[in-house]
C-alpha atoms as a PDB file:
ATOM      1  CA  MET A   1      53.750 -69.431  -8.791  1.00  0.00           C
ATOM      2  CA  LEU A   2      52.473 -66.248 -10.330  1.00  0.00           C
ATOM      3  CA  MET A   3      49.504 -66.655 -12.651  1.00  0.00           C
ATOM      4  CA  GLN A   4      49.464 -64.543 -15.661  1.00  0.00           C
ATOM      5  CA  SER A   5      46.343 -63.752 -17.811  1.00  0.00           C
ATOM      6  CA  ALA A   6      46.617 -63.669 -21.599  1.00  0.00           C
ATOM      7  CA  LEU A   7      43.988 -60.776 -21.606  1.00  0.00           C
ATOM      8  CA  PRO A   8      45.123 -57.159 -21.192  1.00  0.00           C
ATOM      9  CA  LEU A   9      43.492 -55.305 -18.196  1.00  0.00           C
ATOM     10  CA  GLY A  10      41.588 -52.972 -20.690  1.00  0.00           C
ATOM     11  CA  ALA A  11      39.609 -55.985 -21.946  1.00  0.00           C
ATOM     12  CA  LEU A  12      38.119 -56.301 -18.436  1.00  0.00           C
ATOM     13  CA  GLU A  13      36.530 -52.837 -18.863  1.00  0.00           C
ATOM     14  CA  ASN A  14      33.390 -52.110 -20.590  1.00  0.00           C
ATOM     15  CA  ALA A  15      32.817 -48.399 -20.544  1.00  0.00           C
ATOM     16  CA  ALA A  16      29.904 -48.545 -22.885  1.00  0.00           C
ATOM     17  CA  GLU A  17      27.836 -50.752 -20.505  1.00  0.00           C
ATOM     18  CA  PHE A  18      27.218 -48.090 -17.906  1.00  0.00           C
ATOM     19  CA  LEU A  19      25.326 -45.594 -20.087  1.00  0.00           C
ATOM     20  CA  PRO A  20      22.656 -47.881 -21.583  1.00  0.00           C
ATOM     21  CA  ARG A  21      22.095 -49.531 -18.167  1.00  0.00           C
ATOM     22  CA  HIS A  22      21.485 -46.286 -16.194  1.00  0.00           C
ATOM     23  CA  ILE A  23      21.067 -43.317 -18.531  1.00  0.00           C
ATOM     24  CA  GLY A  24      18.126 -42.956 -20.913  1.00  0.00           C
ATOM     25  CA  ILE A  25      16.934 -45.280 -23.762  1.00  0.00           C
ATOM     26  CA  ASP A  26      18.830 -46.928 -26.624  1.00  0.00           C
ATOM     27  CA  ALA A  27      18.345 -46.346 -30.355  1.00  0.00           C
ATOM     28  CA  ALA A  28      15.889 -49.449 -30.576  1.00  0.00           C
ATOM     29  CA  ASP A  29      13.765 -48.178 -27.707  1.00  0.00           C
ATOM     30  CA  GLU A  30      13.717 -44.665 -29.294  1.00  0.00           C
ATOM     31  CA  ALA A  31      12.598 -46.043 -32.682  1.00  0.00           C
ATOM     32  CA  HIS A  32       9.873 -48.084 -31.127  1.00  0.00           C
ATOM     33  CA  MET A  33       8.563 -45.204 -29.092  1.00  0.00           C
ATOM     34  CA  LEU A  34       8.527 -42.843 -32.103  1.00  0.00           C
ATOM     35  CA  SER A  35       6.609 -45.358 -34.220  1.00  0.00           C
ATOM     36  CA  VAL A  36       4.038 -45.853 -31.646  1.00  0.00           C
ATOM     37  CA  ILE A  37       3.237 -42.205 -31.501  1.00  0.00           C
ATOM     38  CA  GLY A  38       3.482 -41.794 -35.270  1.00  0.00           C
ATOM     39  CA  GLU A  39       6.621 -39.424 -35.505  1.00  0.00           C
ATOM     40  CA  ALA A  40       9.704 -40.050 -37.772  1.00  0.00           C
ATOM     41  CA  SER A  41      12.274 -38.552 -35.322  1.00  0.00           C
ATOM     42  CA  ARG A  42      12.807 -36.578 -32.253  1.00  0.00           C
ATOM     43  CA  ARG A  43      13.065 -33.470 -34.189  1.00  0.00           C
ATOM     44  CA  ALA A  44       9.690 -34.001 -35.808  1.00  0.00           C
ATOM     45  CA  LEU A  45       8.320 -34.746 -32.522  1.00  0.00           C
ATOM     46  CA  ILE A  46       9.488 -31.485 -31.096  1.00  0.00           C
ATOM     47  CA  ASP A  47       8.287 -29.507 -34.225  1.00  0.00           C
ATOM     48  CA  SER A  48       4.823 -31.127 -33.867  1.00  0.00           C
ATOM     49  CA  ILE A  49       4.487 -30.110 -30.166  1.00  0.00           C
ATOM     50  CA  VAL A  50       6.188 -26.690 -29.742  1.00  0.00           C
ATOM     51  CA  PRO A  51       4.144 -23.933 -31.107  1.00  0.00           C
ATOM     52  CA  ARG A  52       5.797 -22.088 -33.994  1.00  0.00           C
ATOM     53  CA  SER A  53       5.279 -18.727 -32.269  1.00  0.00           C
ATOM     54  CA  ILE A  54       7.866 -19.687 -29.712  1.00  0.00           C
ATOM     55  CA  ALA A  55      10.029 -22.186 -31.596  1.00  0.00           C
ATOM     56  CA  ARG A  56      13.502 -21.066 -32.266  1.00  0.00           C
ATOM     57  CA  SER A  57      14.502 -21.412 -35.924  1.00  0.00           C
ATOM     58  CA  HIS A  58      18.253 -20.538 -35.507  1.00  0.00           C
ATOM     59  CA  ALA A  59      21.066 -21.223 -33.056  1.00  0.00           C
ATOM     60  CA  MET A  60      21.397 -19.040 -29.944  1.00  0.00           C
ATOM     61  CA  ASP A  61      23.953 -16.311 -30.090  1.00  0.00           C
ATOM     62  CA  ILE A  62      25.855 -17.596 -26.996  1.00  0.00           C
ATOM     63  CA  PRO A  63      29.209 -16.001 -26.369  1.00  0.00           C
ATOM     64  CA  ALA A  64      32.375 -18.110 -26.014  1.00  0.00           C
ATOM     65  CA  PRO A  65      32.762 -19.775 -22.584  1.00  0.00           C
ATOM     66  CA  ALA A  66      34.435 -17.894 -19.776  1.00  0.00           C
ATOM     67  CA  SER A  67      36.845 -19.053 -17.111  1.00  0.00           C
ATOM     68  CA  GLU A  68      35.772 -19.386 -13.440  1.00  0.00           C
ATOM     69  CA  ALA A  69      37.669 -16.245 -12.600  1.00  0.00           C
ATOM     70  CA  ALA A  70      36.184 -14.173 -15.478  1.00  0.00           C
ATOM     71  CA  ALA A  71      32.610 -15.478 -14.690  1.00  0.00           C
ATOM     72  CA  LEU A  72      33.000 -14.531 -11.140  1.00  0.00           C
ATOM     73  CA  ALA A  73      34.228 -11.189 -11.857  1.00  0.00           C
ATOM     74  CA  GLU A  74      31.221 -10.512 -14.307  1.00  0.00           C
ATOM     75  CA  LEU A  75      28.765 -11.801 -11.731  1.00  0.00           C
ATOM     76  CA  LYS A  76      30.234  -9.485  -8.966  1.00  0.00           C
ATOM     77  CA  ALA A  77      30.168  -6.655 -11.411  1.00  0.00           C
ATOM     78  CA  ILE A  78      26.371  -7.303 -12.022  1.00  0.00           C
ATOM     79  CA  ALA A  79      25.674  -7.707  -8.329  1.00  0.00           C
ATOM     80  CA  SER A  80      27.530  -4.412  -7.547  1.00  0.00           C
ATOM     81  CA  ARG A  81      24.747  -2.543  -9.423  1.00  0.00           C
ATOM     82  CA  ASN A  82      22.176  -3.642  -6.794  1.00  0.00           C
ATOM     83  CA  GLN A  83      21.154  -1.230  -4.045  1.00  0.00           C
ATOM     84  CA  VAL A  84      21.494  -3.249  -0.762  1.00  0.00           C
ATOM     85  CA  LEU A  85      19.174  -1.967   1.892  1.00  0.00           C
ATOM     86  CA  LYS A  86      18.720  -2.810   5.422  1.00  0.00           C
ATOM     87  CA  SER A  87      15.654  -5.184   6.265  1.00  0.00           C
ATOM     88  CA  PHE A  88      13.695  -4.145   9.280  1.00  0.00           C
ATOM     89  CA  ILE A  89      10.752  -6.581   8.663  1.00  0.00           C
ATOM     90  CA  GLY A  90      11.811  -8.993  11.207  1.00  0.00           C
ATOM     91  CA  GLN A  91       9.078 -11.620  11.722  1.00  0.00           C
ATOM     92  CA  GLY A  92      11.470 -14.325  12.670  1.00  0.00           C
ATOM     93  CA  TYR A  93      14.128 -13.674   9.812  1.00  0.00           C
ATOM     94  CA  TYR A  94      17.200 -11.805  10.651  1.00  0.00           C
ATOM     95  CA  GLY A  95      20.516 -11.070   8.825  1.00  0.00           C
ATOM     96  CA  THR A  96      23.401 -13.385   9.973  1.00  0.00           C
ATOM     97  CA  HIS A  97      27.108 -13.480   9.600  1.00  0.00           C
ATOM     98  CA  THR A  98      29.033 -16.818   9.683  1.00  0.00           C
ATOM     99  CA  PRO A  99      32.785 -16.225  10.305  1.00  0.00           C
ATOM    100  CA  GLY A 100      34.915 -17.985   7.702  1.00  0.00           C
ATOM    101  CA  VAL A 101      36.634 -20.245  10.135  1.00  0.00           C
ATOM    102  CA  ILE A 102      33.232 -21.622  11.228  1.00  0.00           C
ATOM    103  CA  LEU A 103      31.918 -21.804   7.813  1.00  0.00           C
ATOM    104  CA  ARG A 104      34.971 -23.882   6.632  1.00  0.00           C
ATOM    105  CA  ASN A 105      34.570 -26.097   9.608  1.00  0.00           C
ATOM    106  CA  ILE A 106      31.023 -26.772   8.663  1.00  0.00           C
ATOM    107  CA  LEU A 107      31.593 -27.583   5.153  1.00  0.00           C
ATOM    108  CA  GLU A 108      34.671 -29.789   5.811  1.00  0.00           C
ATOM    109  CA  ASN A 109      32.861 -31.749   8.545  1.00  0.00           C
ATOM    110  CA  PRO A 110      33.647 -35.289   7.749  1.00  0.00           C
ATOM    111  CA  ALA A 111      29.906 -36.197   8.692  1.00  0.00           C
ATOM    112  CA  TRP A 112      28.847 -35.141   5.209  1.00  0.00           C
ATOM    113  CA  TYR A 113      31.285 -37.542   3.466  1.00  0.00           C
ATOM    114  CA  THR A 114      30.733 -40.779   5.241  1.00  0.00           C
ATOM    115  CA  ALA A 115      29.334 -43.840   3.610  1.00  0.00           C
ATOM    116  CA  TYR A 116      25.776 -45.071   3.841  1.00  0.00           C
ATOM    117  CA  THR A 117      24.885 -46.971   6.941  1.00  0.00           C
ATOM    118  CA  PRO A 118      24.076 -50.744   6.416  1.00  0.00           C
ATOM    119  CA  TYR A 119      20.972 -50.446   8.604  1.00  0.00           C
ATOM    120  CA  GLN A 120      19.378 -47.087   7.524  1.00  0.00           C
ATOM    121  CA  ALA A 121      18.710 -46.675   3.826  1.00  0.00           C
ATOM    122  CA  GLU A 122      19.468 -43.485   2.011  1.00  0.00           C
ATOM    123  CA  ILE A 123      21.482 -41.738   4.722  1.00  0.00           C
ATOM    124  CA  SER A 124      25.161 -41.827   5.923  1.00  0.00           C
ATOM    125  CA  GLN A 125      26.419 -42.565   9.341  1.00  0.00           C
ATOM    126  CA  GLY A 126      27.958 -38.992   9.608  1.00  0.00           C
ATOM    127  CA  ARG A 127      24.577 -37.330   8.611  1.00  0.00           C
ATOM    128  CA  MET A 128      22.862 -39.447  11.249  1.00  0.00           C
ATOM    129  CA  GLU A 129      25.374 -38.165  13.847  1.00  0.00           C
ATOM    130  CA  ALA A 130      24.929 -34.608  12.665  1.00  0.00           C
ATOM    131  CA  LEU A 131      21.097 -34.957  13.114  1.00  0.00           C
ATOM    132  CA  VAL A 132      21.533 -36.327  16.645  1.00  0.00           C
ATOM    133  CA  ASN A 133      23.616 -33.379  17.381  1.00  0.00           C
ATOM    134  CA  PHE A 134      20.903 -31.050  15.946  1.00  0.00           C
ATOM    135  CA  GLN A 135      18.231 -32.778  17.990  1.00  0.00           C
ATOM    136  CA  THR A 136      20.350 -32.584  21.141  1.00  0.00           C
ATOM    137  CA  MET A 137      20.816 -28.841  20.653  1.00  0.00           C
ATOM    138  CA  VAL A 138      17.087 -28.239  20.184  1.00  0.00           C
ATOM    139  CA  CYS A 139      16.369 -30.232  23.356  1.00  0.00           C
ATOM    140  CA  ASP A 140      18.978 -28.275  25.308  1.00  0.00           C
ATOM    141  CA  LEU A 141      17.741 -24.750  24.153  1.00  0.00           C
ATOM    142  CA  THR A 142      14.004 -25.576  24.385  1.00  0.00           C
ATOM    143  CA  GLY A 143      14.222 -27.504  27.605  1.00  0.00           C
ATOM    144  CA  MET A 144      12.106 -30.367  26.050  1.00  0.00           C
ATOM    145  CA  PRO A 145      12.978 -34.078  26.211  1.00  0.00           C
ATOM    146  CA  ILE A 146      12.182 -34.979  22.508  1.00  0.00           C
ATOM    147  CA  ALA A 147      13.093 -33.200  19.231  1.00  0.00           C
ATOM    148  CA  ASN A 148      12.737 -34.201  15.634  1.00  0.00           C
ATOM    149  CA  ALA A 149      15.293 -33.969  12.930  1.00  0.00           C
ATOM    150  CA  SER A 150      14.112 -30.713  11.421  1.00  0.00           C
ATOM    151  CA  MET A 151      11.056 -29.502   9.504  1.00  0.00           C
ATOM    152  CA  LEU A 152      10.581 -27.195   6.512  1.00  0.00           C
ATOM    153  CA  ASP A 153       9.927 -23.689   8.188  1.00  0.00           C
ATOM    154  CA  GLU A 154       8.515 -22.243  11.334  1.00  0.00           C
ATOM    155  CA  ALA A 155       5.077 -21.615   9.753  1.00  0.00           C
ATOM    156  CA  THR A 156       4.568 -25.315   8.648  1.00  0.00           C
ATOM    157  CA  ALA A 157       6.019 -26.645  11.846  1.00  0.00           C
ATOM    158  CA  ALA A 158       3.448 -24.588  13.633  1.00  0.00           C
ATOM    159  CA  ALA A 159       0.626 -26.043  11.585  1.00  0.00           C
ATOM    160  CA  GLU A 160       2.015 -29.576  12.212  1.00  0.00           C
ATOM    161  CA  ALA A 161       2.193 -28.800  15.994  1.00  0.00           C
ATOM    162  CA  MET A 162      -1.664 -27.784  15.669  1.00  0.00           C
ATOM    163  CA  THR A 163      -2.546 -31.138  14.036  1.00  0.00           C
ATOM    164  CA  LEU A 164      -0.323 -33.082  16.532  1.00  0.00           C
ATOM    165  CA  ALA A 165      -2.259 -31.308  19.433  1.00  0.00           C
ATOM    166  CA  LYS A 166      -5.586 -32.115  17.829  1.00  0.00           C
ATOM    167  CA  ARG A 167      -4.778 -35.853  17.793  1.00  0.00           C
ATOM    168  CA  SER A 168      -3.308 -36.223  21.123  1.00  0.00           C
ATOM    169  CA  VAL A 169      -5.184 -34.200  23.664  1.00  0.00           C
ATOM    170  CA  LYS A 170      -8.145 -35.269  25.431  1.00  0.00           C
ATOM    171  CA  SER A 171     -10.177 -32.209  24.612  1.00  0.00           C
ATOM    172  CA  THR A 172     -13.086 -32.693  22.221  1.00  0.00           C
ATOM    173  CA  SER A 173     -13.081 -29.015  21.143  1.00  0.00           C
ATOM    174  CA  HIS A 174     -12.233 -28.018  17.513  1.00  0.00           C
ATOM    175  CA  ARG A 175     -11.058 -24.515  18.405  1.00  0.00           C
ATOM    176  CA  PHE A 176      -7.326 -23.488  18.237  1.00  0.00           C
ATOM    177  CA  VAL A 177      -6.392 -20.187  19.850  1.00  0.00           C
ATOM    178  CA  VAL A 178      -3.568 -18.247  18.265  1.00  0.00           C
ATOM    179  CA  ALA A 179      -1.996 -15.120  19.737  1.00  0.00           C
ATOM    180  CA  GLY A 180      -2.376 -12.129  17.317  1.00  0.00           C
ATOM    181  CA  ASP A 181       1.318 -11.094  18.081  1.00  0.00           C
ATOM    182  CA  ALA A 182       2.549 -14.333  16.304  1.00  0.00           C
ATOM    183  CA  HIS A 183       4.344 -14.061  13.009  1.00  0.00           C
ATOM    184  CA  PRO A 184       1.861 -13.255  10.161  1.00  0.00           C
ATOM    185  CA  GLN A 185       3.122 -16.068   7.980  1.00  0.00           C
ATOM    186  CA  THR A 186       2.668 -18.540  10.725  1.00  0.00           C
ATOM    187  CA  ILE A 187      -0.773 -17.439  11.140  1.00  0.00           C
ATOM    188  CA  GLU A 188      -1.684 -17.619   7.620  1.00  0.00           C
ATOM    189  CA  VAL A 189      -0.303 -21.223   7.176  1.00  0.00           C
ATOM    190  CA  ILE A 190      -2.171 -22.372  10.336  1.00  0.00           C
ATOM    191  CA  GLN A 191      -5.418 -20.878   8.924  1.00  0.00           C
ATOM    192  CA  THR A 192      -4.853 -22.612   5.695  1.00  0.00           C
ATOM    193  CA  ARG A 193      -4.087 -25.944   7.316  1.00  0.00           C
ATOM    194  CA  ALA A 194      -7.010 -25.651   9.655  1.00  0.00           C
ATOM    195  CA  ALA A 195      -9.691 -25.024   7.093  1.00  0.00           C
ATOM    196  CA  PRO A 196      -9.988 -28.608   5.476  1.00  0.00           C
ATOM    197  CA  MET A 197      -9.744 -30.123   8.868  1.00  0.00           C
ATOM    198  CA  GLY A 198     -12.604 -28.454  10.330  1.00  0.00           C
ATOM    199  CA  ILE A 199     -10.625 -26.660  12.962  1.00  0.00           C
ATOM    200  CA  GLU A 200     -11.800 -23.075  14.076  1.00  0.00           C
ATOM    201  CA  VAL A 201      -8.774 -20.675  14.473  1.00  0.00           C
ATOM    202  CA  VAL A 202      -9.544 -18.047  17.131  1.00  0.00           C
ATOM    203  CA  LEU A 203      -7.140 -15.126  16.602  1.00  0.00           C
ATOM    204  CA  ALA A 204      -6.569 -13.060  19.760  1.00  0.00           C
ATOM    205  CA  ASN A 205      -5.376  -9.629  18.808  1.00  0.00           C
ATOM    206  CA  SER A 206      -5.151  -7.970  22.055  1.00  0.00           C
ATOM    207  CA  LEU A 207      -4.417  -9.078  25.746  1.00  0.00           C
ATOM    208  CA  GLU A 208      -8.143  -8.786  26.495  1.00  0.00           C
ATOM    209  CA  GLU A 209      -9.039 -11.111  23.590  1.00  0.00           C
ATOM    210  CA  TRP A 210      -6.375 -13.418  24.590  1.00  0.00           C
ATOM    211  CA  ASN A 211      -7.550 -13.718  28.251  1.00  0.00           C
ATOM    212  CA  ALA A 212     -11.114 -14.179  27.099  1.00  0.00           C
ATOM    213  CA  ALA A 213     -10.244 -16.879  24.620  1.00  0.00           C
ATOM    214  CA  LEU A 214      -8.236 -18.797  27.307  1.00  0.00           C
ATOM    215  CA  GLU A 215     -11.343 -18.889  29.343  1.00  0.00           C
ATOM    216  CA  GLY A 216     -13.352 -20.498  26.615  1.00  0.00           C
ATOM    217  CA  ASP A 217     -13.192 -24.020  24.903  1.00  0.00           C
ATOM    218  CA  TYR A 218     -10.207 -25.025  22.914  1.00  0.00           C
ATOM    219  CA  PHE A 219      -7.864 -27.928  22.346  1.00  0.00           C
ATOM    220  CA  ALA A 220      -4.683 -25.985  22.079  1.00  0.00           C
ATOM    221  CA  VAL A 221      -3.238 -22.587  22.027  1.00  0.00           C
ATOM    222  CA  LEU A 222      -0.033 -21.020  20.350  1.00  0.00           C
ATOM    223  CA  ALA A 223       1.972 -18.023  21.524  1.00  0.00           C
ATOM    224  CA  GLN A 224       5.020 -16.539  19.902  1.00  0.00           C
ATOM    225  CA  TYR A 225       8.034 -16.442  22.175  1.00  0.00           C
ATOM    226  CA  PRO A 226       9.469 -13.620  21.887  1.00  0.00           C
ATOM    227  CA  ALA A 227       6.313 -12.084  20.120  1.00  0.00           C
ATOM    228  CA  THR A 228       6.667 -10.598  16.630  1.00  0.00           C
ATOM    229  CA  SER A 229       6.754  -7.118  18.473  1.00  0.00           C
ATOM    230  CA  GLY A 230       9.645  -8.336  20.503  1.00  0.00           C
ATOM    231  CA  ARG A 231       7.658  -8.543  23.742  1.00  0.00           C
ATOM    232  CA  ILE A 232       8.630 -11.441  26.091  1.00  0.00           C
ATOM    233  CA  ASP A 233       5.654 -12.583  28.195  1.00  0.00           C
ATOM    234  CA  ASP A 234       5.586 -14.791  31.363  1.00  0.00           C
ATOM    235  CA  LEU A 235       3.296 -17.464  30.000  1.00  0.00           C
ATOM    236  CA  ARG A 236       3.251 -19.788  33.029  1.00  0.00           C
ATOM    237  CA  ALA A 237      -0.308 -18.760  34.129  1.00  0.00           C
ATOM    238  CA  ASP A 238      -1.506 -19.253  30.619  1.00  0.00           C
ATOM    239  CA  VAL A 239      -0.019 -22.668  30.335  1.00  0.00           C
ATOM    240  CA  GLU A 240      -1.681 -23.598  33.664  1.00  0.00           C
ATOM    241  CA  LYS A 241      -5.052 -22.265  32.388  1.00  0.00           C
ATOM    242  CA  ALA A 242      -4.781 -24.418  29.153  1.00  0.00           C
ATOM    243  CA  HIS A 243      -3.787 -27.510  31.061  1.00  0.00           C
ATOM    244  CA  SER A 244      -6.821 -27.027  33.381  1.00  0.00           C
ATOM    245  CA  LYS A 245      -8.981 -27.491  30.279  1.00  0.00           C
ATOM    246  CA  LYS A 246      -6.997 -30.553  29.090  1.00  0.00           C
ATOM    247  CA  ALA A 247      -5.614 -28.355  26.311  1.00  0.00           C
ATOM    248  CA  ALA A 248      -2.009 -28.247  24.876  1.00  0.00           C
ATOM    249  CA  PHE A 249       0.228 -25.130  24.884  1.00  0.00           C
ATOM    250  CA  ILE A 250       2.266 -24.563  21.808  1.00  0.00           C
ATOM    251  CA  ALA A 251       5.319 -21.955  21.857  1.00  0.00           C
ATOM    252  CA  ALA A 252       6.721 -20.723  18.622  1.00  0.00           C
ATOM    253  CA  ALA A 253      10.135 -19.913  19.913  1.00  0.00           C
ATOM    254  CA  ASP A 254      13.285 -18.196  18.694  1.00  0.00           C
ATOM    255  CA  LEU A 255      16.097 -20.691  19.431  1.00  0.00           C
ATOM    256  CA  LEU A 256      18.813 -17.936  19.557  1.00  0.00           C
ATOM    257  CA  ALA A 257      16.739 -16.068  22.077  1.00  0.00           C
ATOM    258  CA  LEU A 258      16.397 -19.093  24.142  1.00  0.00           C
ATOM    259  CA  THR A 259      20.079 -18.739  24.954  1.00  0.00           C
ATOM    260  CA  LEU A 260      19.089 -15.939  27.157  1.00  0.00           C
ATOM    261  CA  ILE A 261      15.621 -16.177  28.188  1.00  0.00           C
ATOM    262  CA  THR A 262      13.688 -19.086  30.068  1.00  0.00           C
ATOM    263  CA  PRO A 263      13.208 -22.098  27.726  1.00  0.00           C
ATOM    264  CA  PRO A 264       9.559 -23.030  27.265  1.00  0.00           C
ATOM    265  CA  GLY A 265      10.102 -26.447  28.642  1.00  0.00           C
ATOM    266  CA  GLU A 266      10.839 -24.912  31.998  1.00  0.00           C
ATOM    267  CA  TRP A 267       7.527 -23.002  32.161  1.00  0.00           C
ATOM    268  CA  GLY A 268       5.271 -25.732  30.974  1.00  0.00           C
ATOM    269  CA  ALA A 269       4.890 -25.718  27.240  1.00  0.00           C
ATOM    270  CA  ASP A 270       3.879 -29.017  25.566  1.00  0.00           C
ATOM    271  CA  ILE A 271       5.208 -28.447  22.048  1.00  0.00           C
ATOM    272  CA  VAL A 272       7.891 -25.944  20.846  1.00  0.00           C
ATOM    273  CA  VAL A 273       8.349 -25.060  17.182  1.00  0.00           C
ATOM    274  CA  GLY A 274      10.546 -22.498  15.341  1.00  0.00           C
ATOM    275  CA  THR A 275      13.156 -21.847  12.754  1.00  0.00           C
ATOM    276  CA  THR A 276      16.969 -22.316  13.006  1.00  0.00           C
ATOM    277  CA  GLN A 277      17.635 -19.409  10.437  1.00  0.00           C
ATOM    278  CA  ARG A 278      19.259 -17.388  13.000  1.00  0.00           C
ATOM    279  CA  PHE A 279      22.120 -19.885  13.383  1.00  0.00           C
ATOM    280  CA  GLY A 280      24.085 -18.530  10.453  1.00  0.00           C
ATOM    281  CA  MET A 281      21.757 -18.995   7.432  1.00  0.00           C
ATOM    282  CA  PRO A 282      21.270 -16.046   5.163  1.00  0.00           C
ATOM    283  CA  MET A 283      17.651 -14.833   4.729  1.00  0.00           C
ATOM    284  CA  GLY A 284      17.506 -15.961   1.081  1.00  0.00           C
ATOM    285  CA  ALA A 285      14.235 -14.195   0.329  1.00  0.00           C
ATOM    286  CA  GLY A 286      12.379 -16.371   3.079  1.00  0.00           C
ATOM    287  CA  GLY A 287      14.069 -19.720   2.488  1.00  0.00           C
ATOM    288  CA  PRO A 288      14.982 -22.455   2.521  1.00  0.00           C
ATOM    289  CA  HIS A 289      15.685 -22.913   6.244  1.00  0.00           C
ATOM    290  CA  ALA A 290      15.307 -25.689   8.630  1.00  0.00           C
ATOM    291  CA  ALA A 291      12.651 -25.537  11.349  1.00  0.00           C
ATOM    292  CA  TYR A 292      12.412 -27.824  14.470  1.00  0.00           C
ATOM    293  CA  MET A 293       9.821 -29.248  16.683  1.00  0.00           C
ATOM    294  CA  ALA A 294      10.303 -30.412  20.272  1.00  0.00           C
ATOM    295  CA  CYS A 295       7.773 -31.877  22.604  1.00  0.00           C
ATOM    296  CA  ARG A 296       6.985 -33.604  25.886  1.00  0.00           C
ATOM    297  CA  ASP A 297       7.162 -37.378  26.217  1.00  0.00           C
END
């Protein structure tokens, strides 16, 4: 037997219920809030707050809306007036090109469109799988057993590696040795992070200063691999020297370069940090890019 309802389907809908429940305040709330602060209306509130020197007394002269194609054409015409120069600054950031077929594969990856997981709030199952793939790639390239699910940028990752080393090593020293051939932005962020923690940053600007610093007292050292100048050093002896002093060795490594050169995990580094910008992300005036951190167990 079929059961029929006397109510039309439209009667079950209450489109007006969503807005007051989720978006903003209702008229009664607004009237009460205005009465508490002594204003008659929102317009009066704005007039009392915004200085007359910057308040607009008339409507903006905005042209008629353009279609998507027309807007793109206008933006391309504006961009074509720029003089595009080659960047030779380096310092960990390099121009990239992602072929269209790969870019489409990334954007259409179903990992970005899966539902939230029932056991991990605020993240989808597909994104968790993508993060595991990211961590696996970092472990493979660095030769380290553990990697996190990305960080902000290489400089802040290096600063976090410094604080991780300070809390985990057995050395009681407060000195942190940094190779002068590290990226300048990394050095500056490390110095900023170290100051309030009472950490003394020792900057070794030459091979002689580096060797002398490694003979001293410190809780960790950081070397760029490859260095900002492009030099690739064999750091095995330096790692052994640091370990003999119960200190940690941190490598700030270029992930793309690690596809060709010896991974830090194979020559004894304890913590490896770096940026993933070279894996297809545009320079974007310095960011945003994802960094990584990998370490020993």
